Amino acid sequence: MDFTNKNLWVLFEWNGEPIYVTQTLLSTWVVMGVLIVLAVVVRLRISSFKGVPKGFQNVIETLVELTSNLARDNMGAELDGLGGYFFSIFGFILLSNYSGLFGLRSPTADLATTAALALMTFFMIHAVGLYKRRGKYFKDFLEPIPVLLPINLIGELSKPISLAFRLFGNMLCGVIIMGLIYGMLPIALRILLPDVLHVYFDILVGALQAYIFTVLSMTFVAQKAGTR
């Protein structure tokens, strides 16, 4: 069976080379579209929010409060302003993981997507660390003794690599296993039998991996910023 990321159509050409819209890119656009629509709906309805939340307002306020508490618990009060960023990251990863339930190729089953997310975290780790700690930020690379500088650098470089491959490996594993199961089952058994596995690989693992990526990113940022 072929689990590669397939080209769908040519988007444009660059120096004579075609640039394709891939399955991953199309799924990413769909996820982004859903998030943008949700953000617009929330923004339009903020003015009608009441003092006592009900229904939709209660859901939104609960999500915001949970994210703020998660950011404060993992990064400290000094960095809880980054909660909005990590809420966006969590939402994108979660919807990307769940997109496979609707027949799309999960963007997080593509290493290019997870590597991009991990690089964003990597740059945030060191940007926040440099901003918060100034000169002490560079001192960390020489501890406990200067001769360990190469080891400390390797340790920092390993963080985005581990983040990217952990998320990618878990989601691609689910895609491959479910694809093999559908390929082996007769058509009559493809409707109900795989549902239990979908609950595990797509829903439970998808939510867990989104949570792990977000919390690990927060932890790395807090460690470099010295708030934890």
N, C-alpha and C. Protein backbone atom coordinates (compact mmCIF):
# COMPACT_ATOMS: atom_id res chain seq x y z
N MET A 1 0.84 -1.19 0.00
CA MET A 1 0.00 0.00 0.00
C MET A 1 0.88 1.24 0.00
N ASP A 2 0.40 2.30 -0.63
CA ASP A 2 1.17 3.53 -0.77
C ASP A 2 0.68 4.57 0.23
N PHE A 3 1.56 4.98 1.16
CA PHE A 3 1.20 5.97 2.17
C PHE A 3 1.93 7.30 1.96
N THR A 4 2.49 7.49 0.76
CA THR A 4 3.21 8.72 0.49
C THR A 4 2.25 9.90 0.33
N ASN A 5 2.81 11.09 0.48
CA ASN A 5 2.04 12.32 0.31
C ASN A 5 1.91 12.62 -1.18
N LYS A 6 0.74 12.46 -1.74
CA LYS A 6 0.57 12.54 -3.18
C LYS A 6 0.37 13.97 -3.66
N ASN A 7 0.87 14.24 -4.88
CA ASN A 7 0.62 15.52 -5.54
C ASN A 7 -0.77 15.52 -6.16
N LEU A 8 -1.52 16.62 -5.98
CA LEU A 8 -2.88 16.70 -6.49
C LEU A 8 -2.96 17.50 -7.79
N TRP A 9 -2.42 18.71 -7.80
CA TRP A 9 -2.37 19.49 -9.02
C TRP A 9 -1.27 20.53 -8.91
N VAL A 10 -0.91 21.10 -10.05
CA VAL A 10 0.16 22.09 -10.09
C VAL A 10 -0.39 23.44 -9.64
N LEU A 11 0.27 24.05 -8.65
CA LEU A 11 -0.15 25.36 -8.15
C LEU A 11 0.46 26.48 -9.00
N PHE A 12 1.77 26.39 -9.24
CA PHE A 12 2.46 27.32 -10.12
C PHE A 12 3.82 26.72 -10.46
N GLU A 13 4.57 27.41 -11.31
CA GLU A 13 5.91 26.94 -11.68
C GLU A 13 6.95 27.94 -11.20
N TRP A 14 8.09 27.40 -10.77
CA TRP A 14 9.20 28.23 -10.29
C TRP A 14 10.46 27.78 -11.01
N ASN A 15 11.00 28.67 -11.86
CA ASN A 15 12.18 28.35 -12.67
C ASN A 15 11.97 27.08 -13.48
N GLY A 16 10.77 26.93 -14.00
CA GLY A 16 10.46 25.79 -14.84
C GLY A 16 10.07 24.53 -14.08
N GLU A 17 10.15 24.57 -12.75
CA GLU A 17 9.81 23.42 -11.94
C GLU A 17 8.39 23.58 -11.38
N PRO A 18 7.54 22.57 -11.54
CA PRO A 18 6.16 22.68 -11.02
C PRO A 18 6.13 22.60 -9.49
N ILE A 19 5.34 23.46 -8.88
CA ILE A 19 5.08 23.43 -7.44
C ILE A 19 3.67 22.89 -7.25
N TYR A 20 3.56 21.74 -6.59
CA TYR A 20 2.30 21.04 -6.50
C TYR A 20 1.54 21.36 -5.21
N VAL A 21 0.22 21.25 -5.31
CA VAL A 21 -0.62 21.18 -4.12
C VAL A 21 -0.69 19.72 -3.72
N THR A 22 -0.20 19.40 -2.53
CA THR A 22 -0.17 18.02 -2.06
C THR A 22 -1.37 17.74 -1.15
N GLN A 23 -1.54 16.48 -0.80
CA GLN A 23 -2.60 16.11 0.13
C GLN A 23 -2.42 16.80 1.47
N THR A 24 -1.18 16.87 1.93
CA THR A 24 -0.90 17.53 3.21
C THR A 24 -1.23 19.01 3.14
N LEU A 25 -0.84 19.65 2.05
CA LEU A 25 -1.10 21.08 1.91
C LEU A 25 -2.59 21.37 1.87
N LEU A 26 -3.35 20.56 1.14
CA LEU A 26 -4.80 20.74 1.07
C LEU A 26 -5.44 20.56 2.45
N SER A 27 -5.02 19.52 3.17
CA SER A 27 -5.56 19.29 4.51
C SER A 27 -5.21 20.45 5.45
N THR A 28 -4.00 20.97 5.32
CA THR A 28 -3.57 22.11 6.15
C THR A 28 -4.44 23.32 5.88
N TRP A 29 -4.75 23.58 4.62
CA TRP A 29 -5.63 24.71 4.27
C TRP A 29 -7.02 24.53 4.87
N VAL A 30 -7.52 23.30 4.85
CA VAL A 30 -8.85 23.05 5.42
C VAL A 30 -8.83 23.32 6.92
N VAL A 31 -7.82 22.81 7.62
CA VAL A 31 -7.70 23.03 9.06
C VAL A 31 -7.58 24.52 9.37
N MET A 32 -6.75 25.21 8.61
CA MET A 32 -6.59 26.65 8.81
C MET A 32 -7.90 27.38 8.58
N GLY A 33 -8.64 26.96 7.55
CA GLY A 33 -9.93 27.59 7.27
C GLY A 33 -10.91 27.42 8.40
N VAL A 34 -10.95 26.22 8.98
CA VAL A 34 -11.86 25.96 10.11
C VAL A 34 -11.48 26.84 11.30
N LEU A 35 -10.19 26.94 11.60
CA LEU A 35 -9.73 27.76 12.72
C LEU A 35 -10.02 29.24 12.50
N ILE A 36 -9.84 29.71 11.26
CA ILE A 36 -10.11 31.12 10.95
C ILE A 36 -11.59 31.42 11.10
N VAL A 37 -12.42 30.54 10.58
CA VAL A 37 -13.87 30.73 10.71
C VAL A 37 -14.28 30.76 12.17
N LEU A 38 -13.74 29.84 12.96
CA LEU A 38 -14.05 29.81 14.39
C LEU A 38 -13.61 31.10 15.07
N ALA A 39 -12.41 31.60 14.72
CA ALA A 39 -11.92 32.84 15.32
C ALA A 39 -12.82 34.02 14.96
N VAL A 40 -13.27 34.07 13.71
CA VAL A 40 -14.15 35.16 13.27
C VAL A 40 -15.49 35.10 13.99
N VAL A 41 -16.04 33.89 14.13
CA VAL A 41 -17.32 33.73 14.83
C VAL A 41 -17.19 34.19 16.28
N VAL A 42 -16.12 33.79 16.95
CA VAL A 42 -15.92 34.19 18.35
C VAL A 42 -15.78 35.70 18.44
N ARG A 43 -15.02 36.28 17.52
CA ARG A 43 -14.81 37.73 17.55
C ARG A 43 -16.12 38.49 17.35
N LEU A 44 -16.99 37.99 16.46
CA LEU A 44 -18.26 38.66 16.21
C LEU A 44 -19.22 38.52 17.39
N ARG A 45 -19.08 37.45 18.14
CA ARG A 45 -20.03 37.19 19.22
C ARG A 45 -19.54 37.68 20.58
N ILE A 46 -18.32 38.18 20.64
CA ILE A 46 -17.80 38.67 21.92
C ILE A 46 -18.66 39.79 22.48
N SER A 47 -19.12 40.67 21.60
CA SER A 47 -19.91 41.81 22.06
C SER A 47 -21.24 41.39 22.71
N SER A 48 -21.71 40.19 22.40
CA SER A 48 -22.97 39.72 22.97
C SER A 48 -22.77 38.82 24.18
N PHE A 49 -21.52 38.63 24.61
CA PHE A 49 -21.25 37.79 25.77
C PHE A 49 -21.83 38.44 27.02
N LYS A 50 -22.40 37.63 27.90
CA LYS A 50 -23.04 38.10 29.11
C LYS A 50 -22.12 37.92 30.32
N GLY A 51 -22.53 38.53 31.43
CA GLY A 51 -21.77 38.37 32.67
C GLY A 51 -21.79 36.95 33.17
N VAL A 52 -22.91 36.26 33.00
CA VAL A 52 -23.04 34.85 33.36
C VAL A 52 -23.00 34.03 32.07
N PRO A 53 -21.91 33.30 31.83
CA PRO A 53 -21.78 32.60 30.54
C PRO A 53 -22.77 31.45 30.38
N LYS A 54 -23.26 31.29 29.16
CA LYS A 54 -24.13 30.18 28.81
C LYS A 54 -23.77 29.67 27.42
N GLY A 55 -24.00 28.40 27.19
CA GLY A 55 -23.85 27.82 25.87
C GLY A 55 -22.48 28.06 25.25
N PHE A 56 -22.47 28.70 24.07
CA PHE A 56 -21.26 28.93 23.30
C PHE A 56 -20.25 29.76 24.10
N GLN A 57 -20.73 30.78 24.79
CA GLN A 57 -19.84 31.61 25.59
C GLN A 57 -19.16 30.79 26.68
N ASN A 58 -19.90 29.89 27.28
CA ASN A 58 -19.34 29.05 28.35
C ASN A 58 -18.23 28.16 27.81
N VAL A 59 -18.42 27.62 26.61
CA VAL A 59 -17.41 26.77 25.99
C VAL A 59 -16.13 27.56 25.73
N ILE A 60 -16.28 28.75 25.13
CA ILE A 60 -15.12 29.57 24.79
C ILE A 60 -14.38 30.01 26.04
N GLU A 61 -15.10 30.48 27.05
CA GLU A 61 -14.46 30.94 28.28
C GLU A 61 -13.77 29.78 29.00
N THR A 62 -14.36 28.59 28.94
CA THR A 62 -13.72 27.43 29.56
C THR A 62 -12.41 27.09 28.87
N LEU A 63 -12.40 27.12 27.52
CA LEU A 63 -11.18 26.84 26.78
C LEU A 63 -10.09 27.87 27.07
N VAL A 64 -10.48 29.14 27.12
CA VAL A 64 -9.50 30.20 27.40
C VAL A 64 -8.94 30.05 28.81
N GLU A 65 -9.81 29.75 29.76
CA GLU A 65 -9.37 29.59 31.15
C GLU A 65 -8.45 28.39 31.31
N LEU A 66 -8.79 27.27 30.66
CA LEU A 66 -7.95 26.09 30.73
C LEU A 66 -6.57 26.36 30.14
N THR A 67 -6.53 27.05 28.99
CA THR A 67 -5.25 27.37 28.36
C THR A 67 -4.43 28.30 29.22
N SER A 68 -5.07 29.32 29.79
CA SER A 68 -4.36 30.26 30.66
C SER A 68 -3.79 29.55 31.88
N ASN A 69 -4.58 28.67 32.49
CA ASN A 69 -4.10 27.92 33.66
C ASN A 69 -2.95 26.99 33.29
N LEU A 70 -3.07 26.36 32.11
CA LEU A 70 -2.01 25.45 31.67
C LEU A 70 -0.71 26.21 31.44
N ALA A 71 -0.82 27.39 30.82
CA ALA A 71 0.37 28.21 30.59
C ALA A 71 0.98 28.67 31.90
N ARG A 72 0.15 29.08 32.84
CA ARG A 72 0.65 29.55 34.14
C ARG A 72 1.29 28.42 34.92
N ASP A 73 0.70 27.24 34.88
CA ASP A 73 1.25 26.10 35.62
C ASP A 73 2.58 25.64 35.06
N ASN A 74 2.75 25.72 33.74
CA ASN A 74 3.96 25.19 33.10
C ASN A 74 5.03 26.24 32.86
N MET A 75 4.65 27.51 32.77
CA MET A 75 5.62 28.55 32.45
C MET A 75 5.72 29.64 33.51
N GLY A 76 4.77 29.66 34.45
CA GLY A 76 4.79 30.71 35.46
C GLY A 76 3.98 31.92 35.02
N ALA A 77 3.65 32.77 35.98
CA ALA A 77 2.81 33.93 35.71
C ALA A 77 3.47 34.91 34.75
N GLU A 78 4.82 34.94 34.73
CA GLU A 78 5.52 35.89 33.87
C GLU A 78 5.29 35.62 32.39
N LEU A 79 5.03 34.38 32.05
CA LEU A 79 4.91 34.01 30.64
C LEU A 79 3.50 33.55 30.26
N ASP A 80 2.52 33.78 31.15
CA ASP A 80 1.18 33.31 30.81
C ASP A 80 0.57 34.08 29.64
N GLY A 81 1.20 35.18 29.24
CA GLY A 81 0.75 35.89 28.05
C GLY A 81 0.96 35.10 26.77
N LEU A 82 1.82 34.08 26.83
CA LEU A 82 2.04 33.22 25.66
C LEU A 82 0.96 32.15 25.52
N GLY A 83 0.00 32.16 26.45
CA GLY A 83 -1.05 31.15 26.40
C GLY A 83 -1.84 31.17 25.11
N GLY A 84 -2.08 32.36 24.56
CA GLY A 84 -2.82 32.46 23.30
C GLY A 84 -2.10 31.78 22.15
N TYR A 85 -0.78 31.95 22.10
CA TYR A 85 0.01 31.30 21.05
C TYR A 85 -0.09 29.78 21.16
N PHE A 86 0.08 29.27 22.37
CA PHE A 86 0.04 27.83 22.56
C PHE A 86 -1.36 27.27 22.39
N PHE A 87 -2.38 28.09 22.66
CA PHE A 87 -3.75 27.67 22.38
C PHE A 87 -3.93 27.45 20.87
N SER A 88 -3.35 28.35 20.08
CA SER A 88 -3.43 28.21 18.62
C SER A 88 -2.70 26.96 18.15
N ILE A 89 -1.51 26.72 18.72
CA ILE A 89 -0.75 25.53 18.34
C ILE A 89 -1.51 24.27 18.70
N PHE A 90 -2.06 24.23 19.90
CA PHE A 90 -2.83 23.05 20.33
C PHE A 90 -4.04 22.84 19.42
N GLY A 91 -4.76 23.91 19.12
CA GLY A 91 -5.93 23.79 18.26
C GLY A 91 -5.58 23.30 16.87
N PHE A 92 -4.48 23.82 16.31
CA PHE A 92 -4.07 23.39 14.97
C PHE A 92 -3.68 21.92 14.96
N ILE A 93 -2.89 21.49 15.94
CA ILE A 93 -2.46 20.09 15.98
C ILE A 93 -3.65 19.17 16.21
N LEU A 94 -4.54 19.56 17.12
CA LEU A 94 -5.70 18.72 17.42
C LEU A 94 -6.58 18.54 16.19
N LEU A 95 -6.90 19.64 15.50
CA LEU A 95 -7.74 19.53 14.31
C LEU A 95 -7.02 18.78 13.19
N SER A 96 -5.71 18.97 13.09
CA SER A 96 -4.93 18.24 12.09
C SER A 96 -4.98 16.74 12.36
N ASN A 97 -4.85 16.37 13.64
CA ASN A 97 -4.91 14.95 14.00
C ASN A 97 -6.30 14.37 13.73
N TYR A 98 -7.34 15.17 13.93
CA TYR A 98 -8.71 14.70 13.74
C TYR A 98 -9.15 14.75 12.28
N SER A 99 -8.40 15.43 11.43
CA SER A 99 -8.81 15.56 10.03
C SER A 99 -8.88 14.22 9.32
N GLY A 100 -8.12 13.23 9.83
CA GLY A 100 -8.17 11.91 9.22
C GLY A 100 -9.52 11.25 9.37
N LEU A 101 -10.30 11.67 10.37
CA LEU A 101 -11.64 11.11 10.55
C LEU A 101 -12.57 11.51 9.42
N PHE A 102 -12.22 12.56 8.68
CA PHE A 102 -13.08 13.08 7.60
C PHE A 102 -12.49 12.80 6.22
N GLY A 103 -11.62 11.81 6.16
CA GLY A 103 -11.09 11.38 4.87
C GLY A 103 -9.92 12.18 4.36
N LEU A 104 -9.39 13.11 5.16
CA LEU A 104 -8.23 13.89 4.75
C LEU A 104 -6.95 13.22 5.24
N ARG A 105 -5.85 13.54 4.61
CA ARG A 105 -4.56 13.09 5.12
C ARG A 105 -4.14 14.04 6.24
N SER A 106 -3.90 13.49 7.41
CA SER A 106 -3.55 14.33 8.55
C SER A 106 -2.26 15.09 8.28
N PRO A 107 -2.26 16.43 8.37
CA PRO A 107 -1.02 17.19 8.16
C PRO A 107 0.10 16.79 9.10
N THR A 108 -0.26 16.35 10.32
CA THR A 108 0.77 15.98 11.28
C THR A 108 1.36 14.59 11.01
N ALA A 109 0.84 13.89 10.01
CA ALA A 109 1.45 12.64 9.55
C ALA A 109 2.50 12.92 8.48
N ASP A 110 2.82 14.18 8.29
CA ASP A 110 3.84 14.63 7.34
C ASP A 110 4.95 15.30 8.13
N LEU A 111 6.19 14.85 7.95
CA LEU A 111 7.31 15.39 8.72
C LEU A 111 7.53 16.88 8.46
N ALA A 112 7.18 17.34 7.27
CA ALA A 112 7.36 18.77 6.96
C ALA A 112 6.52 19.64 7.90
N THR A 113 5.31 19.19 8.22
CA THR A 113 4.43 19.95 9.11
C THR A 113 4.95 19.94 10.54
N THR A 114 5.28 18.75 11.04
CA THR A 114 5.74 18.66 12.43
C THR A 114 7.09 19.34 12.61
N ALA A 115 7.94 19.29 11.58
CA ALA A 115 9.24 19.97 11.67
C ALA A 115 9.05 21.49 11.72
N ALA A 116 8.09 22.00 10.94
CA ALA A 116 7.82 23.44 10.97
C ALA A 116 7.31 23.88 12.34
N LEU A 117 6.41 23.09 12.94
CA LEU A 117 5.91 23.40 14.28
C LEU A 117 7.03 23.34 15.31
N ALA A 118 7.90 22.34 15.19
CA ALA A 118 9.01 22.21 16.14
C ALA A 118 10.01 23.36 16.00
N LEU A 119 10.24 23.82 14.77
CA LEU A 119 11.15 24.95 14.57
C LEU A 119 10.57 26.23 15.16
N MET A 120 9.26 26.40 15.07
CA MET A 120 8.62 27.56 15.70
C MET A 120 8.87 27.54 17.21
N THR A 121 8.72 26.36 17.81
CA THR A 121 8.98 26.23 19.24
C THR A 121 10.45 26.49 19.54
N PHE A 122 11.35 25.97 18.70
CA PHE A 122 12.79 26.15 18.90
C PHE A 122 13.17 27.63 18.93
N PHE A 123 12.68 28.38 17.96
CA PHE A 123 13.00 29.81 17.91
C PHE A 123 12.36 30.56 19.09
N MET A 124 11.16 30.15 19.49
CA MET A 124 10.52 30.79 20.64
C MET A 124 11.31 30.51 21.92
N ILE A 125 11.79 29.28 22.09
CA ILE A 125 12.57 28.93 23.28
C ILE A 125 13.72 29.90 23.47
N HIS A 126 14.49 30.11 22.41
CA HIS A 126 15.71 30.91 22.54
C HIS A 126 15.43 32.41 22.47
N ALA A 127 14.38 32.80 21.77
CA ALA A 127 14.02 34.22 21.74
C ALA A 127 13.53 34.67 23.12
N VAL A 128 12.66 33.87 23.74
CA VAL A 128 12.16 34.21 25.07
C VAL A 128 13.28 34.12 26.10
N GLY A 129 14.15 33.10 25.98
CA GLY A 129 15.27 32.96 26.90
C GLY A 129 16.21 34.14 26.84
N LEU A 130 16.52 34.58 25.63
CA LEU A 130 17.41 35.73 25.47
C LEU A 130 16.77 37.01 25.98
N TYR A 131 15.47 37.16 25.75
CA TYR A 131 14.76 38.36 26.20
C TYR A 131 14.67 38.42 27.72
N LYS A 132 14.41 37.28 28.35
CA LYS A 132 14.20 37.26 29.80
C LYS A 132 15.51 37.25 30.59
N ARG A 133 16.54 36.60 30.07
CA ARG A 133 17.74 36.38 30.87
C ARG A 133 18.95 37.18 30.41
N ARG A 134 18.87 37.78 29.24
CA ARG A 134 19.97 38.62 28.74
C ARG A 134 21.28 37.82 28.72
N GLY A 135 22.29 38.34 29.41
CA GLY A 135 23.61 37.70 29.39
C GLY A 135 23.63 36.33 30.03
N LYS A 136 22.78 36.09 31.03
CA LYS A 136 22.74 34.78 31.69
C LYS A 136 22.28 33.67 30.75
N TYR A 137 21.59 34.07 29.68
CA TYR A 137 21.13 33.07 28.70
C TYR A 137 22.31 32.31 28.11
N PHE A 138 23.40 33.00 27.79
CA PHE A 138 24.56 32.36 27.19
C PHE A 138 25.34 31.53 28.21
N LYS A 139 25.22 31.91 29.49
CA LYS A 139 25.95 31.18 30.53
C LYS A 139 25.49 29.75 30.64
N ASP A 140 24.20 29.49 30.33
CA ASP A 140 23.66 28.13 30.44
C ASP A 140 24.41 27.14 29.56
N PHE A 141 24.92 27.62 28.43
CA PHE A 141 25.60 26.72 27.50
C PHE A 141 26.97 26.28 28.01
N LEU A 142 27.47 26.95 29.05
CA LEU A 142 28.80 26.65 29.59
C LEU A 142 28.74 25.92 30.92
N GLU A 143 27.53 25.58 31.35
CA GLU A 143 27.38 24.91 32.65
C GLU A 143 27.25 23.40 32.46
N PRO A 144 27.72 22.60 33.41
CA PRO A 144 28.41 23.01 34.64
C PRO A 144 29.87 23.39 34.44
N ILE A 145 30.45 22.97 33.29
CA ILE A 145 31.82 23.37 32.97
C ILE A 145 31.87 23.72 31.48
N PRO A 146 32.70 24.70 31.09
CA PRO A 146 32.73 25.16 29.69
C PRO A 146 33.01 24.07 28.66
N VAL A 147 33.76 23.02 29.08
CA VAL A 147 34.13 21.99 28.12
C VAL A 147 32.90 21.23 27.61
N LEU A 148 31.78 21.36 28.30
CA LEU A 148 30.55 20.67 27.89
C LEU A 148 29.71 21.49 26.92
N LEU A 149 30.26 22.56 26.41
CA LEU A 149 29.52 23.40 25.44
C LEU A 149 28.99 22.59 24.26
N PRO A 150 29.79 21.74 23.61
CA PRO A 150 29.24 20.96 22.47
C PRO A 150 28.07 20.07 22.88
N ILE A 151 28.16 19.45 24.07
CA ILE A 151 27.08 18.59 24.53
C ILE A 151 25.81 19.40 24.77
N ASN A 152 25.96 20.58 25.36
CA ASN A 152 24.79 21.44 25.62
C ASN A 152 24.16 21.90 24.32
N LEU A 153 24.98 22.19 23.32
CA LEU A 153 24.44 22.60 22.01
C LEU A 153 23.67 21.46 21.36
N ILE A 154 24.22 20.26 21.46
CA ILE A 154 23.53 19.09 20.90
C ILE A 154 22.20 18.88 21.62
N GLY A 155 22.20 19.09 22.94
CA GLY A 155 20.96 18.95 23.70
C GLY A 155 19.89 19.93 23.26
N GLU A 156 20.29 21.16 22.95
CA GLU A 156 19.32 22.15 22.48
C GLU A 156 18.79 21.79 21.09
N LEU A 157 19.69 21.31 20.22
CA LEU A 157 19.27 20.95 18.87
C LEU A 157 18.37 19.71 18.87
N SER A 158 18.52 18.88 19.89
CA SER A 158 17.71 17.66 19.95
C SER A 158 16.25 17.95 20.30
N LYS A 159 15.98 19.10 20.91
CA LYS A 159 14.61 19.40 21.33
C LYS A 159 13.64 19.50 20.15
N PRO A 160 13.93 20.32 19.12
CA PRO A 160 12.99 20.35 18.00
C PRO A 160 12.93 19.04 17.24
N ILE A 161 14.05 18.31 17.20
CA ILE A 161 14.06 17.03 16.50
C ILE A 161 13.14 16.03 17.20
N SER A 162 13.23 15.97 18.53
CA SER A 162 12.38 15.04 19.29
C SER A 162 10.92 15.44 19.20
N LEU A 163 10.63 16.75 19.26
CA LEU A 163 9.25 17.22 19.15
C LEU A 163 8.66 16.83 17.79
N ALA A 164 9.43 17.07 16.73
CA ALA A 164 8.94 16.81 15.37
C ALA A 164 8.71 15.33 15.14
N PHE A 165 9.68 14.49 15.52
CA PHE A 165 9.57 13.07 15.21
C PHE A 165 8.58 12.36 16.12
N ARG A 166 8.41 12.83 17.35
CA ARG A 166 7.43 12.20 18.24
C ARG A 166 6.02 12.36 17.67
N LEU A 167 5.66 13.58 17.31
CA LEU A 167 4.33 13.83 16.76
C LEU A 167 4.16 13.15 15.42
N PHE A 168 5.15 13.28 14.55
CA PHE A 168 5.09 12.67 13.22
C PHE A 168 4.96 11.15 13.30
N GLY A 169 5.80 10.52 14.13
CA GLY A 169 5.80 9.07 14.23
C GLY A 169 4.49 8.51 14.73
N ASN A 170 3.93 9.14 15.76
CA ASN A 170 2.68 8.64 16.33
C ASN A 170 1.52 8.78 15.35
N MET A 171 1.45 9.91 14.64
CA MET A 171 0.33 10.11 13.73
C MET A 171 0.49 9.28 12.46
N LEU A 172 1.71 9.16 11.93
CA LEU A 172 1.91 8.33 10.74
C LEU A 172 1.65 6.86 11.07
N CYS A 173 2.00 6.45 12.28
CA CYS A 173 1.73 5.07 12.70
C CYS A 173 0.24 4.77 12.62
N GLY A 174 -0.59 5.70 13.12
CA GLY A 174 -2.04 5.50 13.05
C GLY A 174 -2.55 5.42 11.63
N VAL A 175 -2.00 6.29 10.75
CA VAL A 175 -2.42 6.28 9.34
C VAL A 175 -2.08 4.94 8.68
N ILE A 176 -0.88 4.45 8.93
CA ILE A 176 -0.45 3.19 8.31
C ILE A 176 -1.26 2.01 8.84
N ILE A 177 -1.44 1.93 10.16
CA ILE A 177 -2.18 0.81 10.74
C ILE A 177 -3.62 0.79 10.25
N MET A 178 -4.28 1.96 10.25
CA MET A 178 -5.66 2.00 9.79
C MET A 178 -5.75 1.68 8.30
N GLY A 179 -4.78 2.14 7.52
CA GLY A 179 -4.77 1.81 6.10
C GLY A 179 -4.62 0.32 5.85
N LEU A 180 -3.75 -0.33 6.64
CA LEU A 180 -3.56 -1.77 6.51
C LEU A 180 -4.83 -2.53 6.91
N ILE A 181 -5.48 -2.07 7.97
CA ILE A 181 -6.70 -2.74 8.42
C ILE A 181 -7.80 -2.63 7.37
N TYR A 182 -7.98 -1.43 6.82
CA TYR A 182 -8.99 -1.27 5.78
C TYR A 182 -8.65 -2.10 4.55
N GLY A 183 -7.35 -2.22 4.26
CA GLY A 183 -6.95 -3.00 3.11
C GLY A 183 -7.18 -4.49 3.27
N MET A 184 -7.10 -4.98 4.51
CA MET A 184 -7.26 -6.42 4.76
C MET A 184 -8.73 -6.83 4.93
N LEU A 185 -9.56 -5.90 5.41
CA LEU A 185 -10.95 -6.26 5.70
C LEU A 185 -11.79 -6.30 4.43
N PRO A 186 -12.74 -7.22 4.35
CA PRO A 186 -13.69 -7.18 3.24
C PRO A 186 -14.58 -5.94 3.37
N ILE A 187 -15.15 -5.51 2.27
CA ILE A 187 -15.93 -4.27 2.23
C ILE A 187 -17.06 -4.29 3.27
N ALA A 188 -17.68 -5.43 3.48
CA ALA A 188 -18.83 -5.52 4.40
C ALA A 188 -18.43 -5.24 5.84
N LEU A 189 -17.16 -5.42 6.19
CA LEU A 189 -16.72 -5.23 7.57
C LEU A 189 -16.01 -3.88 7.80
N ARG A 190 -15.95 -3.04 6.78
CA ARG A 190 -15.23 -1.78 6.91
C ARG A 190 -16.05 -0.66 7.55
N ILE A 191 -17.31 -0.93 7.84
CA ILE A 191 -18.17 0.14 8.35
C ILE A 191 -18.07 0.26 9.86
N LEU A 192 -18.22 -0.85 10.59
CA LEU A 192 -18.29 -0.79 12.05
C LEU A 192 -17.03 -1.29 12.74
N LEU A 193 -16.38 -2.32 12.21
CA LEU A 193 -15.27 -2.97 12.90
C LEU A 193 -14.11 -2.03 13.21
N PRO A 194 -13.68 -1.15 12.28
CA PRO A 194 -12.53 -0.29 12.59
C PRO A 194 -12.85 0.89 13.50
N ASP A 195 -14.13 1.07 13.88
CA ASP A 195 -14.50 2.25 14.66
C ASP A 195 -13.76 2.33 15.99
N VAL A 196 -13.59 1.17 16.65
CA VAL A 196 -12.89 1.16 17.93
C VAL A 196 -11.46 1.62 17.76
N LEU A 197 -10.82 1.19 16.70
CA LEU A 197 -9.44 1.62 16.45
C LEU A 197 -9.37 3.09 16.10
N HIS A 198 -10.39 3.60 15.40
CA HIS A 198 -10.43 5.04 15.11
C HIS A 198 -10.52 5.85 16.41
N VAL A 199 -11.29 5.35 17.35
CA VAL A 199 -11.41 6.04 18.64
C VAL A 199 -10.05 6.15 19.30
N TYR A 200 -9.25 5.08 19.21
CA TYR A 200 -7.93 5.09 19.85
C TYR A 200 -6.93 5.91 19.04
N PHE A 201 -6.70 5.53 17.78
CA PHE A 201 -5.63 6.14 16.99
C PHE A 201 -5.92 7.60 16.63
N ASP A 202 -7.17 7.91 16.31
CA ASP A 202 -7.49 9.26 15.86
C ASP A 202 -7.91 10.18 16.99
N ILE A 203 -8.80 9.72 17.86
CA ILE A 203 -9.35 10.60 18.89
C ILE A 203 -8.46 10.66 20.13
N LEU A 204 -8.18 9.52 20.74
CA LEU A 204 -7.40 9.51 21.98
C LEU A 204 -5.94 9.89 21.73
N VAL A 205 -5.30 9.20 20.79
CA VAL A 205 -3.89 9.50 20.50
C VAL A 205 -3.75 10.90 19.92
N GLY A 206 -4.71 11.32 19.09
CA GLY A 206 -4.65 12.66 18.52
C GLY A 206 -4.68 13.74 19.58
N ALA A 207 -5.58 13.61 20.55
CA ALA A 207 -5.67 14.59 21.64
C ALA A 207 -4.44 14.52 22.53
N LEU A 208 -3.98 13.30 22.82
CA LEU A 208 -2.81 13.14 23.70
C LEU A 208 -1.56 13.74 23.07
N GLN A 209 -1.34 13.51 21.79
CA GLN A 209 -0.15 14.04 21.14
C GLN A 209 -0.20 15.57 21.02
N ALA A 210 -1.37 16.13 20.80
CA ALA A 210 -1.50 17.59 20.78
C ALA A 210 -1.16 18.17 22.15
N TYR A 211 -1.63 17.50 23.20
CA TYR A 211 -1.36 17.95 24.57
C TYR A 211 0.13 17.82 24.89
N ILE A 212 0.74 16.70 24.54
CA ILE A 212 2.15 16.47 24.84
C ILE A 212 3.02 17.50 24.12
N PHE A 213 2.76 17.74 22.84
CA PHE A 213 3.56 18.71 22.09
C PHE A 213 3.46 20.09 22.74
N THR A 214 2.25 20.49 23.11
CA THR A 214 2.04 21.81 23.70
C THR A 214 2.72 21.95 25.05
N VAL A 215 2.55 20.95 25.91
CA VAL A 215 3.13 21.03 27.25
C VAL A 215 4.66 20.96 27.20
N LEU A 216 5.21 20.10 26.36
CA LEU A 216 6.67 20.05 26.23
C LEU A 216 7.23 21.37 25.72
N SER A 217 6.53 21.97 24.77
CA SER A 217 6.98 23.27 24.25
C SER A 217 6.97 24.32 25.36
N MET A 218 5.89 24.34 26.15
CA MET A 218 5.82 25.28 27.27
C MET A 218 6.96 25.04 28.27
N THR A 219 7.22 23.77 28.55
CA THR A 219 8.27 23.43 29.51
C THR A 219 9.64 23.87 29.02
N PHE A 220 9.94 23.64 27.75
CA PHE A 220 11.22 24.06 27.19
C PHE A 220 11.38 25.59 27.25
N VAL A 221 10.31 26.30 26.93
CA VAL A 221 10.36 27.77 26.98
C VAL A 221 10.60 28.24 28.41
N ALA A 222 9.90 27.65 29.36
CA ALA A 222 10.03 28.06 30.77
C ALA A 222 11.43 27.77 31.29
N GLN A 223 12.01 26.62 30.91
CA GLN A 223 13.35 26.28 31.37
C GLN A 223 14.38 27.28 30.86
N LYS A 224 14.29 27.64 29.61
CA LYS A 224 15.27 28.58 29.04
C LYS A 224 15.06 29.98 29.55
N ALA A 225 13.80 30.33 29.88
CA ALA A 225 13.51 31.67 30.39
C ALA A 225 13.80 31.78 31.88
N GLY A 226 14.00 30.62 32.55
CA GLY A 226 14.30 30.65 33.97
C GLY A 226 13.11 30.87 34.85
N THR A 227 11.90 30.66 34.33
CA THR A 227 10.69 30.85 35.15
C THR A 227 10.26 29.55 35.82
N ARG A 228 10.90 28.44 35.46
CA ARG A 228 10.60 27.15 36.06
C ARG A 228 11.91 26.36 36.27
